[in-house]
PDB file of N, CA and C in Angstrom:
ATOM      1  N   MET A   1      51.039  39.267 132.957  1.00  0.00           N
ATOM      2  CA  MET A   1      49.729  39.851 133.145  1.00  0.00           C
ATOM      3  C   MET A   1      48.662  39.056 132.724  1.00  0.00           C
ATOM      4  N   ALA A   2      47.700  39.061 133.245  1.00  0.00           N
ATOM      5  CA  ALA A   2      46.386  38.417 132.633  1.00  0.00           C
ATOM      6  C   ALA A   2      45.797  39.387 131.593  1.00  0.00           C
ATOM      7  N   ILE A   3      45.392  38.660 130.482  1.00  0.00           N
ATOM      8  CA  ILE A   3      44.740  39.343 129.318  1.00  0.00           C
ATOM      9  C   ILE A   3      43.478  39.816 129.839  1.00  0.00           C
ATOM     10  N   GLU A   4      42.846  41.084 129.311  1.00  0.00           N
ATOM     11  CA  GLU A   4      41.531  41.407 129.489  1.00  0.00           C
ATOM     12  C   GLU A   4      40.882  41.033 128.203  1.00  0.00           C
ATOM     13  N   LEU A   5      39.957  39.851 128.371  1.00  0.00           N
ATOM     14  CA  LEU A   5      39.098  39.351 127.604  1.00  0.00           C
ATOM     15  C   LEU A   5      37.856  40.115 127.466  1.00  0.00           C
ATOM     16  N   THR A   6      37.112  40.165 126.005  1.00  0.00           N
ATOM     17  CA  THR A   6      35.897  40.869 126.069  1.00  0.00           C
ATOM     18  C   THR A   6      35.093  40.189 125.062  1.00  0.00           C
ATOM     19  N   ASP A   7      33.680  40.724 125.004  1.00  0.00           N
ATOM     20  CA  ASP A   7      32.911  39.980 123.977  1.00  0.00           C
ATOM     21  C   ASP A   7      33.537  40.268 122.522  1.00  0.00           C
ATOM     22  N   ALA A   8      34.251  41.381 122.212  1.00  0.00           N
ATOM     23  CA  ALA A   8      34.873  41.465 120.895  1.00  0.00           C
ATOM     24  C   ALA A   8      36.071  40.416 120.619  1.00  0.00           C
ATOM     25  N   ASN A   9      36.734  40.342 121.686  1.00  0.00           N
ATOM     26  CA  ASN A   9      38.144  39.662 121.337  1.00  0.00           C
ATOM     27  C   ASN A   9      38.175  38.241 121.824  1.00  0.00           C
ATOM     28  N   PHE A  10      37.204  37.694 122.287  1.00  0.00           N
ATOM     29  CA  PHE A  10      37.345  36.401 123.038  1.00  0.00           C
ATOM     30  C   PHE A  10      37.351  35.319 122.104  1.00  0.00           C
ATOM     31  N   SER A  11      36.674  35.340 120.736  1.00  0.00           N
ATOM     32  CA  SER A  11      37.036  34.183 120.043  1.00  0.00           C
ATOM     33  C   SER A  11      38.430  34.185 119.519  1.00  0.00           C
ATOM     34  N   GLU A  12      39.073  35.297 119.107  1.00  0.00           N
ATOM     35  CA  GLU A  12      40.282  35.431 118.489  1.00  0.00           C
ATOM     36  C   GLU A  12      41.214  34.944 119.447  1.00  0.00           C
ATOM     37  N   LEU A  13      41.200  35.296 120.771  1.00  0.00           N
ATOM     38  CA  LEU A  13      42.289  35.091 121.976  1.00  0.00           C
ATOM     39  C   LEU A  13      42.097  33.869 122.730  1.00  0.00           C
ATOM     40  N   VAL A  14      40.797  33.185 122.718  1.00  0.00           N
ATOM     41  CA  VAL A  14      40.570  32.092 123.624  1.00  0.00           C
ATOM     42  C   VAL A  14      40.202  30.893 122.409  1.00  0.00           C
ATOM     43  N   LEU A  15      39.238  31.128 121.764  1.00  0.00           N
ATOM     44  CA  LEU A  15      38.781  29.983 120.702  1.00  0.00           C
ATOM     45  C   LEU A  15      39.766  29.459 119.819  1.00  0.00           C
ATOM     46  N   LYS A  16      40.593  30.334 119.349  1.00  0.00           N
ATOM     47  CA  LYS A  16      41.498  30.227 118.077  1.00  0.00           C
ATOM     48  C   LYS A  16      42.811  30.165 118.730  1.00  0.00           C
ATOM     49  N   SER A  17      43.236  29.987 119.995  1.00  0.00           N
ATOM     50  CA  SER A  17      44.532  30.059 120.680  1.00  0.00           C
ATOM     51  C   SER A  17      45.037  28.670 120.536  1.00  0.00           C
ATOM     52  N   ASP A  18      46.385  28.639 120.152  1.00  0.00           N
ATOM     53  CA  ASP A  18      46.992  27.007 119.960  1.00  0.00           C
ATOM     54  C   ASP A  18      47.440  26.644 121.129  1.00  0.00           C
ATOM     55  N   LYS A  19      47.189  27.296 122.297  1.00  0.00           N
ATOM     56  CA  LYS A  19      47.747  26.946 123.626  1.00  0.00           C
ATOM     57  C   LYS A  19      46.708  26.628 124.513  1.00  0.00           C
ATOM     58  N   PRO A  20      46.518  26.006 125.645  1.00  0.00           N
ATOM     59  CA  PRO A  20      45.415  26.129 126.605  1.00  0.00           C
ATOM     60  C   PRO A  20      45.065  27.493 127.088  1.00  0.00           C
ATOM     61  N   VAL A  21      43.885  27.684 127.478  1.00  0.00           N
ATOM     62  CA  VAL A  21      43.396  28.964 127.805  1.00  0.00           C
ATOM     63  C   VAL A  21      42.619  28.835 129.429  1.00  0.00           C
ATOM     64  N   LEU A  22      43.112  29.940 130.433  1.00  0.00           N
ATOM     65  CA  LEU A  22      42.370  29.583 131.562  1.00  0.00           C
ATOM     66  C   LEU A  22      41.835  31.041 131.406  1.00  0.00           C
ATOM     67  N   VAL A  23      40.496  31.041 131.552  1.00  0.00           N
ATOM     68  CA  VAL A  23      39.447  32.144 131.712  1.00  0.00           C
ATOM     69  C   VAL A  23      38.732  32.430 132.993  1.00  0.00           C
ATOM     70  N   ASP A  24      39.026  33.399 133.717  1.00  0.00           N
ATOM     71  CA  ASP A  24      38.583  33.831 134.822  1.00  0.00           C
ATOM     72  C   ASP A  24      37.247  34.937 134.560  1.00  0.00           C
ATOM     73  N   PHE A  25      36.159  34.324 134.967  1.00  0.00           N
ATOM     74  CA  PHE A  25      34.966  35.187 134.986  1.00  0.00           C
ATOM     75  C   PHE A  25      34.842  35.802 136.082  1.00  0.00           C
ATOM     76  N   TRP A  26      34.759  37.176 136.287  1.00  0.00           N
ATOM     77  CA  TRP A  26      34.980  37.898 137.489  1.00  0.00           C
ATOM     78  C   TRP A  26      34.152  39.236 137.423  1.00  0.00           C
ATOM     79  N   ALA A  27      33.791  39.755 138.740  1.00  0.00           N
ATOM     80  CA  ALA A  27      33.207  41.119 138.882  1.00  0.00           C
ATOM     81  C   ALA A  27      34.009  41.966 139.951  1.00  0.00           C
ATOM     82  N   GLU A  28      34.090  43.140 139.611  1.00  0.00           N
ATOM     83  CA  GLU A  28      34.511  44.275 140.818  1.00  0.00           C
ATOM     84  C   GLU A  28      34.051  43.925 142.064  1.00  0.00           C
ATOM     85  N   TRP A  29      32.800  43.816 142.297  1.00  0.00           N
ATOM     86  CA  TRP A  29      31.956  43.811 143.442  1.00  0.00           C
ATOM     87  C   TRP A  29      32.145  42.256 144.058  1.00  0.00           C
ATOM     88  N   CYS A  30      32.832  41.525 143.459  1.00  0.00           N
ATOM     89  CA  CYS A  30      32.620  39.997 144.111  1.00  0.00           C
ATOM     90  C   CYS A  30      33.928  39.754 145.005  1.00  0.00           C
ATOM     91  N   GLY A  31      33.654  39.493 146.010  1.00  0.00           N
ATOM     92  CA  GLY A  31      34.502  39.247 147.302  1.00  0.00           C
ATOM     93  C   GLY A  31      35.539  37.961 146.881  1.00  0.00           C
ATOM     94  N   PRO A  32      34.915  36.822 146.512  1.00  0.00           N
ATOM     95  CA  PRO A  32      35.943  35.648 146.281  1.00  0.00           C
ATOM     96  C   PRO A  32      36.544  35.990 144.958  1.00  0.00           C
ATOM     97  N   CYS A  33      36.055  36.668 143.922  1.00  0.00           N
ATOM     98  CA  CYS A  33      36.910  37.060 142.732  1.00  0.00           C
ATOM     99  C   CYS A  33      37.916  37.928 142.987  1.00  0.00           C
ATOM    100  N   ARG A  34      38.023  38.860 144.201  1.00  0.00           N
ATOM    101  CA  ARG A  34      39.131  39.372 144.541  1.00  0.00           C
ATOM    102  C   ARG A  34      40.304  38.707 145.358  1.00  0.00           C
ATOM    103  N   MET A  35      39.900  37.764 145.930  1.00  0.00           N
ATOM    104  CA  MET A  35      40.822  36.656 146.282  1.00  0.00           C
ATOM    105  C   MET A  35      41.563  35.824 145.259  1.00  0.00           C
ATOM    106  N   VAL A  36      40.555  35.535 144.354  1.00  0.00           N
ATOM    107  CA  VAL A  36      41.205  34.655 143.154  1.00  0.00           C
ATOM    108  C   VAL A  36      42.140  35.448 142.195  1.00  0.00           C
ATOM    109  N   GLY A  37      41.923  36.899 141.987  1.00  0.00           N
ATOM    110  CA  GLY A  37      42.265  37.843 141.141  1.00  0.00           C
ATOM    111  C   GLY A  37      43.937  37.541 141.316  1.00  0.00           C
ATOM    112  N   PRO A  38      44.761  37.723 142.386  1.00  0.00           N
ATOM    113  CA  PRO A  38      46.074  37.938 142.490  1.00  0.00           C
ATOM    114  C   PRO A  38      46.448  36.295 142.074  1.00  0.00           C
ATOM    115  N   VAL A  39      46.092  35.431 142.379  1.00  0.00           N
ATOM    116  CA  VAL A  39      46.382  34.163 142.061  1.00  0.00           C
ATOM    117  C   VAL A  39      46.337  33.795 140.570  1.00  0.00           C
ATOM    118  N   VAL A  40      45.167  34.461 140.021  1.00  0.00           N
ATOM    119  CA  VAL A  40      45.071  34.508 138.422  1.00  0.00           C
ATOM    120  C   VAL A  40      46.472  35.130 137.502  1.00  0.00           C
ATOM    121  N   GLU A  41      46.554  36.181 138.468  1.00  0.00           N
ATOM    122  CA  GLU A  41      47.935  37.106 137.661  1.00  0.00           C
ATOM    123  C   GLU A  41      49.077  36.351 138.044  1.00  0.00           C
ATOM    124  N   GLU A  42      49.310  35.570 139.276  1.00  0.00           N
ATOM    125  CA  GLU A  42      50.538  34.590 139.465  1.00  0.00           C
ATOM    126  C   GLU A  42      50.646  33.583 138.321  1.00  0.00           C
ATOM    127  N   LEU A  43      49.453  32.924 137.964  1.00  0.00           N
ATOM    128  CA  LEU A  43      49.399  31.859 136.863  1.00  0.00           C
ATOM    129  C   LEU A  43      49.717  32.429 135.666  1.00  0.00           C
ATOM    130  N   SER A  44      49.205  33.719 135.263  1.00  0.00           N
ATOM    131  CA  SER A  44      49.657  34.304 133.950  1.00  0.00           C
ATOM    132  C   SER A  44      51.359  34.560 134.095  1.00  0.00           C
ATOM    133  N   LYS A  45      52.000  34.687 134.969  1.00  0.00           N
ATOM    134  CA  LYS A  45      53.276  34.718 135.183  1.00  0.00           C
ATOM    135  C   LYS A  45      54.137  33.545 134.816  1.00  0.00           C
ATOM    136  N   ASP A  46      53.378  32.592 135.835  1.00  0.00           N
ATOM    137  CA  ASP A  46      53.989  31.147 135.790  1.00  0.00           C
ATOM    138  C   ASP A  46      53.829  30.177 134.518  1.00  0.00           C
ATOM    139  N   PHE A  47      52.962  30.494 133.576  1.00  0.00           N
ATOM    140  CA  PHE A  47      52.538  29.764 132.617  1.00  0.00           C
ATOM    141  C   PHE A  47      53.058  30.597 131.173  1.00  0.00           C
ATOM    142  N   GLU A  48      53.628  31.750 131.212  1.00  0.00           N
ATOM    143  CA  GLU A  48      53.797  32.477 130.270  1.00  0.00           C
ATOM    144  C   GLU A  48      54.451  31.782 129.111  1.00  0.00           C
ATOM    145  N   GLY A  49      53.983  31.837 127.852  1.00  0.00           N
ATOM    146  CA  GLY A  49      54.345  31.178 126.751  1.00  0.00           C
ATOM    147  C   GLY A  49      54.136  29.785 126.588  1.00  0.00           C
ATOM    148  N   ILE A  50      53.343  29.447 127.680  1.00  0.00           N
ATOM    149  CA  ILE A  50      52.936  27.937 127.591  1.00  0.00           C
ATOM    150  C   ILE A  50      51.385  27.772 127.519  1.00  0.00           C
ATOM    151  N   ALA A  51      50.789  28.680 128.220  1.00  0.00           N
ATOM    152  CA  ALA A  51      49.369  28.832 128.311  1.00  0.00           C
ATOM    153  C   ALA A  51      48.979  30.297 128.356  1.00  0.00           C
ATOM    154  N   VAL A  52      47.664  30.761 127.978  1.00  0.00           N
ATOM    155  CA  VAL A  52      47.085  31.889 127.989  1.00  0.00           C
ATOM    156  C   VAL A  52      46.156  31.982 129.176  1.00  0.00           C
ATOM    157  N   VAL A  53      46.183  33.288 130.025  1.00  0.00           N
ATOM    158  CA  VAL A  53      45.563  33.351 131.055  1.00  0.00           C
ATOM    159  C   VAL A  53      44.849  34.858 131.003  1.00  0.00           C
ATOM    160  N   GLY A  54      43.596  34.570 130.999  1.00  0.00           N
ATOM    161  CA  GLY A  54      42.583  36.069 130.527  1.00  0.00           C
ATOM    162  C   GLY A  54      41.601  36.138 131.667  1.00  0.00           C
ATOM    163  N   LYS A  55      41.011  37.325 131.627  1.00  0.00           N
ATOM    164  CA  LYS A  55      39.989  37.800 132.539  1.00  0.00           C
ATOM    165  C   LYS A  55      38.884  38.134 131.796  1.00  0.00           C
ATOM    166  N   VAL A  56      37.696  37.929 132.170  1.00  0.00           N
ATOM    167  CA  VAL A  56      36.486  38.514 131.546  1.00  0.00           C
ATOM    168  C   VAL A  56      35.485  39.150 132.713  1.00  0.00           C
ATOM    169  N   ASP A  57      35.197  40.470 132.728  1.00  0.00           N
ATOM    170  CA  ASP A  57      34.535  41.093 133.830  1.00  0.00           C
ATOM    171  C   ASP A  57      33.111  40.881 133.261  1.00  0.00           C
ATOM    172  N   VAL A  58      32.468  40.260 134.089  1.00  0.00           N
ATOM    173  CA  VAL A  58      31.155  39.903 133.493  1.00  0.00           C
ATOM    174  C   VAL A  58      30.071  40.910 133.543  1.00  0.00           C
ATOM    175  N   ASP A  59      30.231  41.938 134.211  1.00  0.00           N
ATOM    176  CA  ASP A  59      29.093  43.020 134.116  1.00  0.00           C
ATOM    177  C   ASP A  59      29.549  43.781 132.658  1.00  0.00           C
ATOM    178  N   SER A  60      30.732  43.928 132.124  1.00  0.00           N
ATOM    179  CA  SER A  60      31.183  44.508 131.073  1.00  0.00           C
ATOM    180  C   SER A  60      30.969  43.932 129.702  1.00  0.00           C
ATOM    181  N   ASN A  61      30.900  42.620 129.971  1.00  0.00           N
ATOM    182  CA  ASN A  61      30.977  41.733 128.952  1.00  0.00           C
ATOM    183  C   ASN A  61      29.924  40.528 129.129  1.00  0.00           C
ATOM    184  N   PRO A  62      28.371  40.845 128.863  1.00  0.00           N
ATOM    185  CA  PRO A  62      27.371  40.001 129.221  1.00  0.00           C
ATOM    186  C   PRO A  62      27.064  38.803 128.158  1.00  0.00           C
ATOM    187  N   ASN A  63      27.567  39.269 126.942  1.00  0.00           N
ATOM    188  CA  ASN A  63      27.294  38.408 125.871  1.00  0.00           C
ATOM    189  C   ASN A  63      28.119  37.108 125.969  1.00  0.00           C
ATOM    190  N   ILE A  64      29.490  37.010 126.263  1.00  0.00           N
ATOM    191  CA  ILE A  64      30.145  35.814 126.554  1.00  0.00           C
ATOM    192  C   ILE A  64      29.821  35.225 127.826  1.00  0.00           C
ATOM    193  N   SER A  65      29.422  35.959 128.841  1.00  0.00           N
ATOM    194  CA  SER A  65      29.193  35.653 130.108  1.00  0.00           C
ATOM    195  C   SER A  65      27.809  34.478 129.961  1.00  0.00           C
ATOM    196  N   MET A  66      27.012  35.192 129.246  1.00  0.00           N
ATOM    197  CA  MET A  66      25.574  34.189 128.850  1.00  0.00           C
ATOM    198  C   MET A  66      25.752  33.066 127.932  1.00  0.00           C
ATOM    199  N   GLU A  67      26.882  33.322 126.908  1.00  0.00           N
ATOM    200  CA  GLU A  67      26.928  32.252 126.029  1.00  0.00           C
ATOM    201  C   GLU A  67      27.748  30.917 126.740  1.00  0.00           C
ATOM    202  N   TYR A  68      28.289  31.179 127.965  1.00  0.00           N
ATOM    203  CA  TYR A  68      28.966  30.215 128.582  1.00  0.00           C
ATOM    204  C   TYR A  68      28.035  29.734 129.989  1.00  0.00           C
ATOM    205  N   GLY A  69      26.944  30.207 130.040  1.00  0.00           N
ATOM    206  CA  GLY A  69      26.088  29.946 131.470  1.00  0.00           C
ATOM    207  C   GLY A  69      26.599  30.385 132.653  1.00  0.00           C
ATOM    208  N   ILE A  70      27.501  31.317 132.582  1.00  0.00           N
ATOM    209  CA  ILE A  70      28.032  31.772 133.817  1.00  0.00           C
ATOM    210  C   ILE A  70      27.081  32.486 135.037  1.00  0.00           C
ATOM    211  N   ARG A  71      26.867  31.736 135.894  1.00  0.00           N
ATOM    212  CA  ARG A  71      25.894  32.128 137.144  1.00  0.00           C
ATOM    213  C   ARG A  71      26.349  32.430 138.221  1.00  0.00           C
ATOM    214  N   ASN A  72      27.485  31.870 138.347  1.00  0.00           N
ATOM    215  CA  ASN A  72      28.279  32.119 139.703  1.00  0.00           C
ATOM    216  C   ASN A  72      29.545  32.658 139.330  1.00  0.00           C
ATOM    217  N   ILE A  73      30.290  33.506 140.215  1.00  0.00           N
ATOM    218  CA  ILE A  73      31.715  34.138 139.927  1.00  0.00           C
ATOM    219  C   ILE A  73      32.135  33.926 141.477  1.00  0.00           C
ATOM    220  N   PRO A  74      33.561  33.754 141.219  1.00  0.00           N
ATOM    221  CA  PRO A  74      34.260  33.254 140.072  1.00  0.00           C
ATOM    222  C   PRO A  74      34.203  32.045 139.661  1.00  0.00           C
ATOM    223  N   THR A  75      34.106  32.178 138.032  1.00  0.00           N
ATOM    224  CA  THR A  75      34.022  30.726 137.351  1.00  0.00           C
ATOM    225  C   THR A  75      35.224  30.728 136.374  1.00  0.00           C
ATOM    226  N   LEU A  76      35.976  29.759 136.770  1.00  0.00           N
ATOM    227  CA  LEU A  76      37.304  29.785 135.805  1.00  0.00           C
ATOM    228  C   LEU A  76      37.213  28.410 134.854  1.00  0.00           C
ATOM    229  N   LEU A  77      37.059  28.878 133.606  1.00  0.00           N
ATOM    230  CA  LEU A  77      36.984  27.937 132.582  1.00  0.00           C
ATOM    231  C   LEU A  77      38.501  27.669 132.007  1.00  0.00           C
ATOM    232  N   ILE A  78      38.748  26.180 131.613  1.00  0.00           N
ATOM    233  CA  ILE A  78      39.678  25.893 130.873  1.00  0.00           C
ATOM    234  C   ILE A  78      39.568  25.488 129.491  1.00  0.00           C
ATOM    235  N   PHE A  79      40.105  26.142 128.502  1.00  0.00           N
ATOM    236  CA  PHE A  79      39.737  25.851 127.054  1.00  0.00           C
ATOM    237  C   PHE A  79      41.102  25.239 126.202  1.00  0.00           C
ATOM    238  N   LYS A  80      40.835  24.241 125.432  1.00  0.00           N
ATOM    239  CA  LYS A  80      41.789  23.743 124.510  1.00  0.00           C
ATOM    240  C   LYS A  80      41.187  23.417 123.336  1.00  0.00           C
ATOM    241  N   ASN A  81      41.804  23.897 122.253  1.00  0.00           N
ATOM    242  CA  ASN A  81      41.470  23.866 120.971  1.00  0.00           C
ATOM    243  C   ASN A  81      39.870  24.384 120.793  1.00  0.00           C
ATOM    244  N   GLY A  82      39.558  25.448 121.467  1.00  0.00           N
ATOM    245  CA  GLY A  82      38.184  26.152 121.444  1.00  0.00           C
ATOM    246  C   GLY A  82      37.344  25.474 122.035  1.00  0.00           C
ATOM    247  N   GLN A  83      37.660  24.428 123.023  1.00  0.00           N
ATOM    248  CA  GLN A  83      36.624  23.661 123.568  1.00  0.00           C
ATOM    249  C   GLN A  83      36.772  23.799 125.154  1.00  0.00           C
ATOM    250  N   ILE A  84      35.753  23.628 125.863  1.00  0.00           N
ATOM    251  CA  ILE A  84      36.066  23.863 127.462  1.00  0.00           C
ATOM    252  C   ILE A  84      36.554  22.227 127.834  1.00  0.00           C
ATOM    253  N   VAL A  85      37.582  22.173 128.496  1.00  0.00           N
ATOM    254  CA  VAL A  85      38.020  21.095 129.004  1.00  0.00           C
ATOM    255  C   VAL A  85      38.001  20.823 130.521  1.00  0.00           C
ATOM    256  N   ASP A  86      37.867  21.964 131.349  1.00  0.00           N
ATOM    257  CA  ASP A  86      37.779  21.744 132.526  1.00  0.00           C
ATOM    258  C   ASP A  86      37.208  23.040 133.029  1.00  0.00           C
ATOM    259  N   LYS A  87      36.476  23.176 134.471  1.00  0.00           N
ATOM    260  CA  LYS A  87      35.892  24.061 134.986  1.00  0.00           C
ATOM    261  C   LYS A  87      36.074  24.092 136.612  1.00  0.00           C
ATOM    262  N   GLN A  88      36.070  25.363 137.050  1.00  0.00           N
ATOM    263  CA  GLN A  88      36.422  25.278 138.524  1.00  0.00           C
ATOM    264  C   GLN A  88      35.344  26.560 139.095  1.00  0.00           C
ATOM    265  N   VAL A  89      34.358  26.423 139.836  1.00  0.00           N
ATOM    266  CA  VAL A  89      33.408  27.542 140.202  1.00  0.00           C
ATOM    267  C   VAL A  89      33.946  27.805 141.627  1.00  0.00           C
ATOM    268  N   GLY A  90      34.229  29.133 142.180  1.00  0.00           N
ATOM    269  CA  GLY A  90      34.324  29.471 143.350  1.00  0.00           C
ATOM    270  C   GLY A  90      35.859  29.664 143.512  1.00  0.00           C
ATOM    271  N   ALA A  91      36.401  30.104 144.779  1.00  0.00           N
ATOM    272  CA  ALA A  91      37.624  30.378 144.862  1.00  0.00           C
ATOM    273  C   ALA A  91      38.721  29.185 145.327  1.00  0.00           C
ATOM    274  N   VAL A  92      39.675  28.768 144.680  1.00  0.00           N
ATOM    275  CA  VAL A  92      40.427  27.588 145.073  1.00  0.00           C
ATOM    276  C   VAL A  92      41.979  27.977 145.278  1.00  0.00           C
ATOM    277  N   PRO A  93      42.702  27.007 145.822  1.00  0.00           N
ATOM    278  CA  PRO A  93      43.947  27.681 146.092  1.00  0.00           C
ATOM    279  C   PRO A  93      44.895  27.249 144.641  1.00  0.00           C
ATOM    280  N   LYS A  94      46.098  28.312 144.590  1.00  0.00           N
ATOM    281  CA  LYS A  94      46.474  28.495 143.404  1.00  0.00           C
ATOM    282  C   LYS A  94      47.115  27.116 142.668  1.00  0.00           C
ATOM    283  N   ASN A  95      47.295  26.148 143.605  1.00  0.00           N
ATOM    284  CA  ASN A  95      47.779  24.605 142.959  1.00  0.00           C
ATOM    285  C   ASN A  95      46.864  23.694 142.364  1.00  0.00           C
ATOM    286  N   VAL A  96      45.558  24.128 142.705  1.00  0.00           N
ATOM    287  CA  VAL A  96      44.410  23.481 142.132  1.00  0.00           C
ATOM    288  C   VAL A  96      44.461  24.031 140.588  1.00  0.00           C
ATOM    289  N   LEU A  97      44.427  25.310 140.529  1.00  0.00           N
ATOM    290  CA  LEU A  97      44.518  25.783 139.175  1.00  0.00           C
ATOM    291  C   LEU A  97      45.467  25.502 138.124  1.00  0.00           C
ATOM    292  N   ALA A  98      46.669  25.590 138.919  1.00  0.00           N
ATOM    293  CA  ALA A  98      48.063  25.291 138.336  1.00  0.00           C
ATOM    294  C   ALA A  98      47.986  23.753 137.919  1.00  0.00           C
ATOM    295  N   ASP A  99      47.554  22.940 138.756  1.00  0.00           N
ATOM    296  CA  ASP A  99      47.500  21.319 138.118  1.00  0.00           C
ATOM    297  C   ASP A  99      46.316  21.409 136.965  1.00  0.00           C
ATOM    298  N   LYS A 100      45.394  22.045 137.069  1.00  0.00           N
ATOM    299  CA  LYS A 100      44.262  22.077 135.964  1.00  0.00           C
ATOM    300  C   LYS A 100      44.907  22.419 134.561  1.00  0.00           C
ATOM    301  N   ILE A 101      45.814  23.554 134.610  1.00  0.00           N
ATOM    302  CA  ILE A 101      46.392  24.029 133.353  1.00  0.00           C
ATOM    303  C   ILE A 101      47.389  23.182 133.054  1.00  0.00           C
ATOM    304  N   GLN A 102      48.195  22.431 133.621  1.00  0.00           N
ATOM    305  CA  GLN A 102      49.080  21.683 133.551  1.00  0.00           C
ATOM    306  C   GLN A 102      48.594  20.486 132.815  1.00  0.00           C
ATOM    307  N   ALA A 103      47.491  19.939 133.462  1.00  0.00           N
ATOM    308  CA  ALA A 103      47.037  18.841 132.645  1.00  0.00           C
ATOM    309  C   ALA A 103      46.637  18.848 131.251  1.00  0.00           C
ATOM    310  N   GLN A 104      46.437  20.154 130.678  1.00  0.00           N
ATOM    311  CA  GLN A 104      46.344  20.407 129.348  1.00  0.00           C
ATOM    312  C   GLN A 104      47.503  20.563 128.350  1.00  0.00           C
ATOM    313  N   ILE A 105      48.453  20.844 129.025  1.00  0.00           N
ATOM    314  CA  ILE A 105      49.863  20.886 128.335  1.00  0.00           C
ATOM    315  C   ILE A 105      50.399  20.002 127.699  1.00  0.00           C
TER     316      ILE A 105
END
């Protein structure tokens, strides 16, 4: 299951991770986010132990959303060694996101 990321735990779980991290910035009211949600959950199972998969609710965590300039959702960022290495804005098929994660392993 995807980890719930917050302003409070983001640094510890994402920036200090020794594995690649996929972060889904989303909101409850966002239609495309609801389409990407199940895909993100599947990826969390597919990459369990290999990569970290988490979700940030932009309404509940405005600080981290502002820090990364999230203006459109869903926005999916991939971090490696605390740095953004890839970005996807908008809903895409599962294989697109899986390939982006795989490229960082």
